[in-house]
Amino acid sequence: MDQQDLSLVWQGVLEEVQKELSEANFKTWFLSTRLDTIETDPVKAIITTPNNFVSKNLQERYSAKILKLLQKNYPSSSVTELEFKVAGTKRSSARKNTATGNDQPDNSRAGYRSNSRSSFTSSSSQKKQDPRGIVLPINPKYTFGNFVVGSSNELAYTVAQAIAKEPGQRFNPLFIYGGVGLGKTHLMQAVANAILETHPEKNVVYTSTQTYVNDFLDSIRNKATSNFIETYNNADVLVIDDIQFIAGKDKTMEEFFHTFNILHQNNKQIILSADQPPRSIPTLPDRLRSRFEWGMTVDVQSPDFETRCAIIQSKAKAQNVELDYESVEFIASNIKNNIRELEGAINQILVLCQVQNLKPDLELVKSILKSATKTPKRFTYQHITAVCCEHFGIEESDVLSARRDKEIALTRQIAMYLMRTELKLSLPKIASALGRKDHTTAMHSINKITNNLDEDFNLRRHVGAIRQKLYEQ
């Protein structure tokens, strides 16, 4: 396989791993890895990592998963072993013994340490490398040009473009929130790339909150707090992903509070993302919460059908593959939760077609996505009720009763809404399914949920989580 095919195979693996891990874990262990080569006799995948610490953790915690996904995304040749090597060094002796199922770790402990001081500055022409040789670049592929805009993200996109033109002057800070896989990271890095394109002299620092926390703790242990402070306080643009993970870490929050004040007072742009708005992040101090809300707070929502179609066409075009519109509509109709799932499905299709030299058509797409798109066998109105009750921790008998407690009523209303949207049941049938005599009760509940979804983030989160459970089971 040439390097392009290897890249496609590994991209397919990463897309599926990303669905199962938190963003912080994915970025820590997988973001800077690549599939270097696949050797034969035995068929062994050589995976390059940024350091020994990542190699060790991948080997001990994720070998079985990686092996399974490689076999799935590279079906024409069954990979039986994994080997990890650190970029720029000789290959690691760590490998997966599939005959026994046991990991054989590298006995050398040298270099096993966390990603301390791994935040970075990137420019349009070069990337700054940290002293241990770890490079964490702003992804050049994340641009405004390939960000698909729809009703679900239009406001966030417009504000981000305004910031890119005049960083630090308007909408400072920018706080973007939304569920997993909806394009927050793409949008944040698009701002960073646009700023570097027009203002190459700017010091743009991008990091995840997990890395920021690790940096801070390591700076204390190594008595190097001045270096830590210099890294972040001298930024012209500071971009931090998943800021919700800072909550509850008192010393780190104290340090970030001072960094935020210094940057904001000097009109330096701050861009933050989280899975929920500042007011909903638990254990976040009021003084940080209020600062996060000083500028512009925008959310990104699940893409609608038209936007999903546009995303699919854009991703396929980027791989020089043309999908007919029937195939595009099929994918968009069956994968609804987030952009990451769409990308995973597209990559799975494209990798198989390119590796096996097949032309994608509707029948092939249906075949490849069969497991991802089939309706669960128990996907009935009874199943919807059961999943809603399980999500909220409520007895089904309570939902079917006449009780009107707030949480019971909400569970009942969401169940009715999903019976209507997912199963297209009639109002009388929905009312009967939940022990109501009058179909107007169902109509009122469905309308209430529909009208509140746009404005109520927590409601969207509950509905999205329940819908995802329905299609996973």
Protein backbone atom coordinates (compact mmCIF):
# COMPACT_ATOMS: atom_id res chain seq x y z
CA MET A 1 0.00 0.00 0.00
CA ASP A 2 1.22 3.49 -0.73
CA GLN A 3 1.21 6.24 1.89
CA GLN A 4 -2.09 7.69 0.68
CA ASP A 5 -3.87 4.35 1.12
CA LEU A 6 -2.28 3.89 4.55
CA SER A 7 -3.48 7.35 5.50
CA LEU A 8 -7.02 6.51 4.39
CA VAL A 9 -7.03 3.25 6.36
CA TRP A 10 -5.75 4.99 9.50
CA GLN A 11 -8.24 7.82 9.05
CA GLY A 12 -11.02 5.25 9.06
CA VAL A 13 -9.66 3.75 12.29
CA LEU A 14 -9.39 7.16 13.96
CA GLU A 15 -12.92 8.15 12.98
CA GLU A 16 -14.34 5.07 14.70
CA VAL A 17 -12.12 5.43 17.77
CA GLN A 18 -13.21 9.04 18.09
CA LYS A 19 -16.86 7.98 18.39
CA GLU A 20 -16.10 5.90 21.49
CA LEU A 21 -13.68 8.13 23.38
CA SER A 22 -14.02 11.53 24.98
CA GLU A 23 -12.43 14.35 23.00
CA ALA A 24 -9.74 14.73 25.68
CA ASN A 25 -8.75 11.04 25.54
CA PHE A 26 -8.81 10.97 21.76
CA LYS A 27 -6.56 14.01 21.47
CA THR A 28 -4.17 12.75 24.15
CA TRP A 29 -3.64 9.23 22.76
CA PHE A 30 -4.56 9.24 19.06
CA LEU A 31 -4.40 12.72 17.55
CA SER A 32 -0.66 12.69 16.72
CA THR A 33 -0.41 9.08 15.55
CA ARG A 34 -0.17 7.67 12.04
CA LEU A 35 -0.06 4.31 10.31
CA ASP A 36 3.52 4.13 9.04
CA THR A 37 3.44 0.87 7.11
CA ILE A 38 1.89 -2.61 6.98
CA GLU A 39 4.41 -5.41 6.70
CA THR A 40 3.75 -8.96 5.54
CA ASP A 41 4.66 -12.38 6.90
CA PRO A 42 3.31 -11.85 9.48
CA VAL A 43 0.95 -9.02 8.58
CA LYS A 44 2.03 -6.34 11.03
CA ALA A 45 0.95 -2.70 11.31
CA ILE A 46 3.67 -0.22 12.32
CA ILE A 47 2.14 2.78 14.10
CA THR A 48 4.11 5.98 14.72
CA THR A 49 3.46 7.92 17.94
CA PRO A 50 4.85 11.23 19.27
CA ASN A 51 6.54 9.74 22.37
CA ASN A 52 7.08 6.62 24.48
CA PHE A 53 4.34 7.60 26.90
CA VAL A 54 1.71 7.49 24.14
CA SER A 55 3.17 4.24 22.73
CA LYS A 56 2.96 2.54 26.10
CA ASN A 57 -0.63 3.59 26.72
CA LEU A 58 -1.81 2.66 23.24
CA GLN A 59 -0.14 -0.70 23.59
CA GLU A 60 -1.56 -1.46 27.03
CA ARG A 61 -5.04 0.04 26.72
CA TYR A 62 -6.05 0.13 23.07
CA SER A 63 -4.20 -2.67 21.22
CA ALA A 64 -7.21 -4.93 20.87
CA LYS A 65 -9.44 -2.08 19.65
CA ILE A 66 -6.85 -0.84 17.13
CA LEU A 67 -6.28 -4.34 15.81
CA LYS A 68 -10.01 -4.96 15.37
CA LEU A 69 -10.54 -1.66 13.54
CA LEU A 70 -7.53 -2.20 11.28
CA GLN A 71 -8.93 -5.56 10.27
CA LYS A 72 -12.28 -3.90 9.58
CA ASN A 73 -10.85 -0.99 7.55
CA TYR A 74 -8.24 -3.09 5.73
CA PRO A 75 -10.24 -6.25 5.01
CA SER A 76 -8.17 -7.42 2.03
CA SER A 77 -5.31 -8.43 4.36
CA SER A 78 -5.80 -9.49 7.97
CA VAL A 79 -3.45 -7.60 10.29
CA THR A 80 -2.35 -9.91 13.12
CA GLU A 81 0.22 -7.80 14.99
CA LEU A 82 0.80 -4.22 16.06
CA GLU A 83 4.12 -2.50 16.62
CA PHE A 84 4.63 1.04 17.90
CA LYS A 85 7.52 3.34 17.21
CA VAL A 86 8.24 6.87 18.34
CA ALA A 87 8.64 9.40 15.54
CA GLY A 88 12.30 9.93 14.72
CA THR A 89 13.52 6.88 16.68
CA LYS A 90 14.04 3.19 16.12
CA ARG A 91 10.98 1.03 16.29
CA SER A 92 9.61 0.13 19.71
CA SER A 93 9.69 -3.48 20.83
CA ALA A 94 6.09 -3.17 22.04
CA ARG A 95 3.69 -5.31 20.05
CA LYS A 96 0.44 -7.17 20.34
CA ASN A 97 0.61 -10.95 20.52
CA THR A 98 -2.72 -11.94 19.03
CA ALA A 99 -2.17 -15.65 19.62
CA THR A 100 -2.27 -15.18 23.39
CA GLY A 101 -4.11 -11.86 23.58
CA ASN A 102 -1.40 -10.47 25.88
CA ASP A 103 0.52 -7.24 25.48
CA GLN A 104 4.31 -7.36 25.54
CA PRO A 105 5.42 -3.96 26.82
CA ASP A 106 8.68 -2.22 26.14
CA ASN A 107 10.77 -2.70 29.28
CA SER A 108 12.49 0.65 28.90
CA ARG A 109 10.89 3.33 31.09
CA ALA A 110 12.82 6.21 29.56
CA GLY A 111 10.63 8.94 28.25
CA TYR A 112 7.42 7.74 29.87
CA ARG A 113 5.98 11.04 30.99
CA SER A 114 2.93 13.16 30.36
CA ASN A 115 2.52 15.76 27.67
CA SER A 116 3.95 18.54 29.81
CA ARG A 117 4.80 21.76 28.00
CA SER A 118 3.14 20.40 24.91
CA SER A 119 1.13 23.51 24.10
CA PHE A 120 2.44 25.15 20.98
CA THR A 121 2.63 28.11 18.72
CA SER A 122 1.97 27.57 15.04
CA SER A 123 2.47 29.85 12.07
CA SER A 124 1.41 29.58 8.46
CA SER A 125 4.92 28.51 7.45
CA GLN A 126 6.19 26.51 10.42
CA LYS A 127 5.28 24.77 13.65
CA LYS A 128 7.05 25.41 16.93
CA GLN A 129 8.42 22.20 18.42
CA ASP A 130 8.65 21.65 22.14
CA PRO A 131 11.99 20.64 23.74
CA ARG A 132 11.16 16.92 23.76
CA GLY A 133 10.34 16.90 20.07
CA ILE A 134 6.56 16.64 20.45
CA VAL A 135 4.72 18.53 17.73
CA LEU A 136 1.02 19.29 18.16
CA PRO A 137 0.08 21.36 15.11
CA ILE A 138 -2.98 23.36 14.32
CA ASN A 139 -4.52 21.19 11.63
CA PRO A 140 -4.13 23.04 8.28
CA LYS A 141 -7.15 21.14 6.93
CA TYR A 142 -9.45 22.94 9.35
CA THR A 143 -10.35 26.09 7.42
CA PHE A 144 -13.39 28.25 6.81
CA GLY A 145 -13.31 27.11 3.20
CA ASN A 146 -14.18 23.50 4.01
CA PHE A 147 -16.45 24.21 6.97
CA VAL A 148 -19.99 23.40 5.85
CA VAL A 149 -22.41 26.07 7.06
CA GLY A 150 -26.05 25.39 7.87
CA SER A 151 -28.78 26.62 10.17
CA SER A 152 -27.24 24.62 13.03
CA ASN A 153 -23.94 26.54 13.04
CA GLU A 154 -24.48 29.71 11.01
CA LEU A 155 -24.20 32.14 13.93
CA ALA A 156 -21.05 30.49 15.29
CA TYR A 157 -19.49 30.58 11.81
CA THR A 158 -20.33 34.28 11.29
CA VAL A 159 -18.89 35.30 14.66
CA ALA A 160 -15.75 33.21 14.07
CA GLN A 161 -15.12 34.93 10.74
CA ALA A 162 -15.52 38.36 12.34
CA ILE A 163 -12.96 37.42 15.00
CA ALA A 164 -10.50 36.16 12.38
CA LYS A 165 -10.59 39.59 10.69
CA GLU A 166 -10.15 41.59 13.91
CA PRO A 167 -8.83 39.35 16.71
CA GLY A 168 -9.25 40.81 20.17
CA GLN A 169 -11.49 43.66 19.03
CA ARG A 170 -14.95 42.06 19.01
CA PHE A 171 -16.60 39.06 20.65
CA ASN A 172 -13.87 38.49 23.23
CA PRO A 173 -13.96 35.87 24.57
CA LEU A 174 -15.75 33.63 22.08
CA PHE A 175 -17.31 30.66 23.87
CA ILE A 176 -18.55 27.87 21.57
CA TYR A 177 -20.57 25.03 23.06
CA GLY A 178 -22.35 21.97 21.75
CA GLY A 179 -22.34 18.18 21.77
CA VAL A 180 -19.57 15.85 20.64
CA GLY A 181 -18.72 15.77 16.95
CA LEU A 182 -20.56 18.91 15.82
CA GLY A 183 -17.56 20.85 14.45
CA LYS A 184 -16.42 22.98 17.40
CA THR A 185 -12.76 22.04 17.01
CA HIS A 186 -12.89 22.58 13.24
CA LEU A 187 -14.32 26.06 13.71
CA MET A 188 -11.83 27.05 16.41
CA GLN A 189 -8.86 25.91 14.38
CA ALA A 190 -10.30 27.59 11.28
CA VAL A 191 -10.15 30.89 13.19
CA ALA A 192 -6.55 30.17 14.18
CA ASN A 193 -5.54 29.30 10.61
CA ALA A 194 -7.25 32.40 9.22
CA ILE A 195 -5.51 34.66 11.75
CA LEU A 196 -2.13 33.12 10.95
CA GLU A 197 -2.78 33.61 7.25
CA THR A 198 -3.48 37.34 7.57
CA HIS A 199 -1.40 38.05 10.70
CA PRO A 200 1.61 35.70 10.56
CA GLU A 201 3.30 37.73 13.28
CA LYS A 202 0.61 36.75 15.81
CA ASN A 203 1.49 34.29 18.55
CA VAL A 204 -1.39 31.80 18.32
CA VAL A 205 -1.48 29.20 21.10
CA TYR A 206 -3.88 26.28 20.73
CA THR A 207 -4.25 23.51 23.28
CA SER A 208 -6.75 21.21 24.95
CA THR A 209 -7.76 21.76 28.56
CA GLN A 210 -6.28 18.39 29.50
CA THR A 211 -2.92 19.49 28.10
CA TYR A 212 -3.21 22.85 29.86
CA VAL A 213 -3.84 21.08 33.18
CA ASN A 214 -0.91 18.71 32.60
CA ASP A 215 1.33 21.65 31.68
CA PHE A 216 0.41 23.44 34.88
CA LEU A 217 0.91 20.44 37.18
CA ASP A 218 4.25 19.58 35.56
CA SER A 219 5.41 23.18 35.87
CA ILE A 220 4.77 23.00 39.61
CA ARG A 221 6.55 19.65 39.99
CA ASN A 222 9.51 20.83 37.93
CA LYS A 223 9.60 24.30 39.52
CA ALA A 224 9.15 25.86 36.09
CA THR A 225 6.02 27.94 36.58
CA SER A 226 7.65 30.94 34.94
CA ASN A 227 7.96 28.98 31.68
CA PHE A 228 4.31 27.94 31.93
CA ILE A 229 3.17 31.51 32.55
CA GLU A 230 5.27 32.79 29.65
CA THR A 231 3.80 30.20 27.26
CA TYR A 232 0.20 31.20 27.88
CA ASN A 233 0.35 34.82 29.02
CA ASN A 234 2.31 35.90 25.94
CA ALA A 235 -0.29 34.60 23.50
CA ASP A 236 -1.89 37.02 21.05
CA VAL A 237 -4.62 34.44 20.49
CA LEU A 238 -5.35 31.69 23.03
CA VAL A 239 -7.58 28.83 21.84
CA ILE A 240 -8.54 26.14 24.37
CA ASP A 241 -10.72 23.12 23.65
CA ASP A 242 -12.98 21.39 26.21
CA ILE A 243 -12.70 24.05 28.91
CA GLN A 244 -15.35 22.19 30.96
CA PHE A 245 -12.57 19.88 32.15
CA ILE A 246 -10.99 22.70 34.13
CA ALA A 247 -13.93 22.72 36.58
CA GLY A 248 -13.09 21.35 40.01
CA LYS A 249 -9.32 21.84 39.60
CA ASP A 250 -8.90 24.74 42.01
CA LYS A 251 -5.25 25.65 41.47
CA THR A 252 -5.50 25.35 37.70
CA MET A 253 -8.64 27.49 37.67
CA GLU A 254 -6.86 30.11 39.78
CA GLU A 255 -3.96 30.26 37.31
CA PHE A 256 -6.27 30.39 34.30
CA PHE A 257 -8.25 33.19 35.94
CA HIS A 258 -5.09 35.33 36.02
CA THR A 259 -4.12 34.37 32.45
CA PHE A 260 -7.62 35.24 31.23
CA ASN A 261 -7.49 38.66 32.92
CA ILE A 262 -4.06 39.52 31.52
CA LEU A 263 -4.99 38.55 27.96
CA HIS A 264 -8.40 40.19 28.03
CA GLN A 265 -7.09 43.45 29.48
CA ASN A 266 -4.54 43.59 26.66
CA ASN A 267 -7.15 42.90 23.95
CA LYS A 268 -5.74 39.46 23.18
CA GLN A 269 -8.29 37.11 21.65
CA ILE A 270 -9.56 34.20 23.75
CA ILE A 271 -11.56 31.35 22.18
CA LEU A 272 -12.97 28.54 24.32
CA SER A 273 -15.12 25.50 23.64
CA ALA A 274 -17.15 23.20 25.88
CA ASP A 275 -19.92 20.64 25.71
CA GLN A 276 -22.32 22.96 27.53
CA PRO A 277 -22.77 26.70 28.18
CA PRO A 278 -20.82 28.34 31.06
CA ARG A 279 -23.88 28.53 33.32
CA SER A 280 -24.32 24.72 33.08
CA ILE A 281 -20.74 23.68 33.86
CA PRO A 282 -20.81 22.24 37.40
CA THR A 283 -18.31 23.44 40.06
CA LEU A 284 -17.15 26.32 37.84
CA PRO A 285 -16.54 29.40 40.03
CA ASP A 286 -18.81 32.37 39.41
CA ARG A 287 -15.90 34.65 38.58
CA LEU A 288 -14.79 32.33 35.73
CA ARG A 289 -18.35 31.71 34.61
CA SER A 290 -19.02 35.43 34.33
CA ARG A 291 -15.80 35.99 32.38
CA PHE A 292 -16.62 33.21 29.95
CA GLU A 293 -19.88 35.05 29.24
CA TRP A 294 -18.31 38.50 28.78
CA GLY A 295 -18.04 38.28 25.01
CA MET A 296 -20.09 36.04 22.74
CA THR A 297 -21.56 32.66 23.66
CA VAL A 298 -22.81 30.60 20.71
CA ASP A 299 -23.87 27.02 20.30
CA VAL A 300 -23.57 24.54 17.47
CA GLN A 301 -26.36 22.02 17.05
CA SER A 302 -26.82 18.76 15.20
CA PRO A 303 -26.86 19.43 11.44
CA ASP A 304 -30.19 19.30 9.64
CA PHE A 305 -30.79 17.04 6.64
CA GLU A 306 -29.64 19.57 4.02
CA THR A 307 -26.46 20.34 5.95
CA ARG A 308 -25.71 16.64 6.38
CA CYS A 309 -26.03 16.17 2.62
CA ALA A 310 -23.67 19.09 2.00
CA ILE A 311 -21.13 17.68 4.48
CA ILE A 312 -21.21 14.27 2.80
CA GLN A 313 -20.68 15.78 -0.65
CA SER A 314 -17.86 17.98 0.64
CA LYS A 315 -16.04 15.07 2.31
CA ALA A 316 -16.40 12.87 -0.75
CA LYS A 317 -15.17 15.64 -3.06
CA ALA A 318 -12.10 16.14 -0.84
CA GLN A 319 -11.23 12.48 -1.52
CA ASN A 320 -11.86 12.90 -5.27
CA VAL A 321 -14.85 10.57 -5.10
CA GLU A 322 -18.24 11.37 -6.59
CA LEU A 323 -21.25 10.01 -4.73
CA ASP A 324 -24.60 9.99 -6.51
CA TYR A 325 -27.33 11.94 -4.76
CA GLU A 326 -29.31 8.79 -3.86
CA SER A 327 -26.31 7.55 -1.88
CA VAL A 328 -25.83 10.95 -0.27
CA GLU A 329 -29.49 11.08 0.79
CA PHE A 330 -29.34 7.53 2.14
CA ILE A 331 -26.36 8.33 4.36
CA ALA A 332 -27.85 11.64 5.52
CA SER A 333 -31.20 10.02 6.30
CA ASN A 334 -29.71 7.26 8.40
CA ILE A 335 -26.85 8.95 10.27
CA LYS A 336 -28.26 11.92 12.12
CA ASN A 337 -26.45 12.44 15.40
CA ASN A 338 -23.31 14.37 14.52
CA ILE A 339 -20.71 15.26 11.92
CA ARG A 340 -18.16 12.83 13.30
CA GLU A 341 -20.45 9.88 12.65
CA LEU A 342 -21.04 11.14 9.12
CA GLU A 343 -17.30 11.41 8.52
CA GLY A 344 -16.76 7.93 9.93
CA ALA A 345 -19.36 6.48 7.58
CA ILE A 346 -17.95 8.35 4.57
CA ASN A 347 -14.40 7.26 5.35
CA GLN A 348 -15.49 3.67 5.75
CA ILE A 349 -17.11 3.79 2.31
CA LEU A 350 -14.25 5.60 0.60
CA VAL A 351 -11.50 3.46 2.09
CA LEU A 352 -13.18 0.23 1.02
CA CYS A 353 -13.88 1.57 -2.47
CA GLN A 354 -10.35 2.87 -2.99
CA VAL A 355 -8.54 -0.14 -1.52
CA GLN A 356 -10.67 -2.62 -3.47
CA ASN A 357 -11.06 -0.38 -6.55
CA LEU A 358 -14.84 -0.27 -6.36
CA LYS A 359 -17.20 2.44 -7.58
CA PRO A 360 -19.58 3.61 -4.84
CA ASP A 361 -23.28 3.31 -5.62
CA LEU A 362 -26.43 3.08 -3.55
CA GLU A 363 -26.38 -0.70 -3.16
CA LEU A 364 -22.75 -0.70 -2.03
CA VAL A 365 -23.39 2.16 0.39
CA LYS A 366 -26.37 0.29 1.85
CA SER A 367 -24.27 -2.82 2.23
CA ILE A 368 -21.37 -1.05 3.96
CA LEU A 369 -23.59 0.92 6.33
CA LYS A 370 -26.02 -1.90 7.07
CA SER A 371 -24.84 -2.38 10.65
CA ALA A 372 -24.82 1.36 11.32
CA THR A 373 -28.24 2.12 9.88
CA LYS A 374 -30.45 -0.83 10.69
CA THR A 375 -33.29 -0.14 13.08
CA PRO A 376 -32.99 -2.06 16.35
CA LYS A 377 -35.24 -5.11 16.52
CA ARG A 378 -37.01 -3.77 19.63
CA PHE A 379 -37.38 -0.24 18.28
CA THR A 380 -41.05 0.07 19.13
CA TYR A 381 -42.97 2.63 21.15
CA GLN A 382 -42.45 0.36 24.18
CA HIS A 383 -38.71 0.51 23.57
CA ILE A 384 -38.77 4.31 23.37
CA THR A 385 -40.61 4.46 26.70
CA ALA A 386 -38.11 2.08 28.30
CA VAL A 387 -35.06 4.01 27.06
CA CYS A 388 -36.52 7.36 28.18
CA CYS A 389 -37.23 5.98 31.64
CA GLU A 390 -33.77 4.44 31.88
CA HIS A 391 -32.17 7.75 30.87
CA PHE A 392 -33.96 9.70 33.61
CA GLY A 393 -33.96 6.90 36.19
CA ILE A 394 -37.76 6.74 36.38
CA GLU A 395 -40.06 3.74 36.68
CA GLU A 396 -42.18 3.03 33.61
CA SER A 397 -45.22 2.65 35.83
CA ASP A 398 -44.81 6.28 36.92
CA VAL A 399 -44.70 7.52 33.33
CA LEU A 400 -47.83 5.53 32.49
CA SER A 401 -49.61 6.81 35.60
CA ALA A 402 -51.44 10.09 36.14
CA ARG A 403 -48.53 11.59 38.10
CA ARG A 404 -47.40 15.04 36.95
CA ASP A 405 -44.11 15.46 38.80
CA LYS A 406 -41.78 17.64 36.76
CA GLU A 407 -39.25 14.94 35.83
CA ILE A 408 -41.94 12.34 35.15
CA ALA A 409 -43.84 14.78 32.94
CA LEU A 410 -40.64 15.62 31.01
CA THR A 411 -39.86 11.93 30.46
CA ARG A 412 -43.40 11.37 29.19
CA GLN A 413 -43.24 14.39 26.85
CA ILE A 414 -39.89 13.36 25.35
CA ALA A 415 -41.17 9.81 24.82
CA MET A 416 -44.19 11.19 22.95
CA TYR A 417 -41.97 13.47 20.87
CA LEU A 418 -39.71 10.58 19.86
CA MET A 419 -42.63 8.31 19.05
CA ARG A 420 -43.81 11.00 16.66
CA THR A 421 -40.45 11.88 15.08
CA GLU A 422 -38.83 8.44 14.96
CA LEU A 423 -41.82 6.11 14.46
CA LYS A 424 -44.31 8.55 12.85
CA LEU A 425 -47.10 7.25 15.09
CA SER A 426 -50.49 8.94 15.07
CA LEU A 427 -51.46 11.18 17.97
CA PRO A 428 -54.18 8.80 19.27
CA LYS A 429 -51.69 5.89 19.17
CA ILE A 430 -49.08 7.93 21.07
CA ALA A 431 -51.60 8.99 23.70
CA SER A 432 -52.75 5.39 24.14
CA ALA A 433 -49.16 4.13 24.40
CA LEU A 434 -48.58 6.32 27.45
CA GLY A 435 -51.90 5.76 29.14
CA ARG A 436 -53.57 9.00 28.05
CA LYS A 437 -57.19 9.05 26.92
CA ASP A 438 -57.10 12.31 24.95
CA HIS A 439 -54.82 12.70 21.91
CA THR A 440 -54.59 16.47 22.55
CA THR A 441 -52.29 15.63 25.48
CA ALA A 442 -49.87 14.04 23.03
CA MET A 443 -50.17 16.97 20.66
CA HIS A 444 -49.45 19.46 23.46
CA SER A 445 -46.40 17.45 24.64
CA ILE A 446 -44.93 17.11 21.14
CA ASN A 447 -45.42 20.80 20.40
CA LYS A 448 -43.84 21.78 23.72
CA ILE A 449 -40.69 19.73 23.10
CA THR A 450 -40.46 20.89 19.48
CA ASN A 451 -40.76 24.56 20.42
CA ASN A 452 -38.28 24.36 23.32
CA LEU A 453 -35.54 22.42 21.55
CA ASP A 454 -34.05 25.47 19.83
CA GLU A 455 -33.62 27.44 23.04
CA ASP A 456 -33.09 24.82 25.74
CA PHE A 457 -29.60 23.31 25.56
CA ASN A 458 -30.19 20.76 28.32
CA LEU A 459 -33.36 19.55 26.60
CA ARG A 460 -31.43 19.08 23.33
CA ARG A 461 -28.78 17.17 25.19
CA HIS A 462 -31.34 14.81 26.77
CA VAL A 463 -33.19 14.21 23.49
CA GLY A 464 -29.93 13.67 21.60
CA ALA A 465 -28.63 11.19 24.18
CA ILE A 466 -31.88 9.20 24.20
CA ARG A 467 -32.06 9.15 20.40
CA GLN A 468 -28.47 7.89 20.23
CA LYS A 469 -29.27 5.08 22.69
CA LEU A 470 -32.25 4.06 20.58
CA TYR A 471 -30.12 3.62 17.48
CA GLU A 472 -27.23 1.96 19.29
CA GLN A 473 -29.22 -0.80 20.96
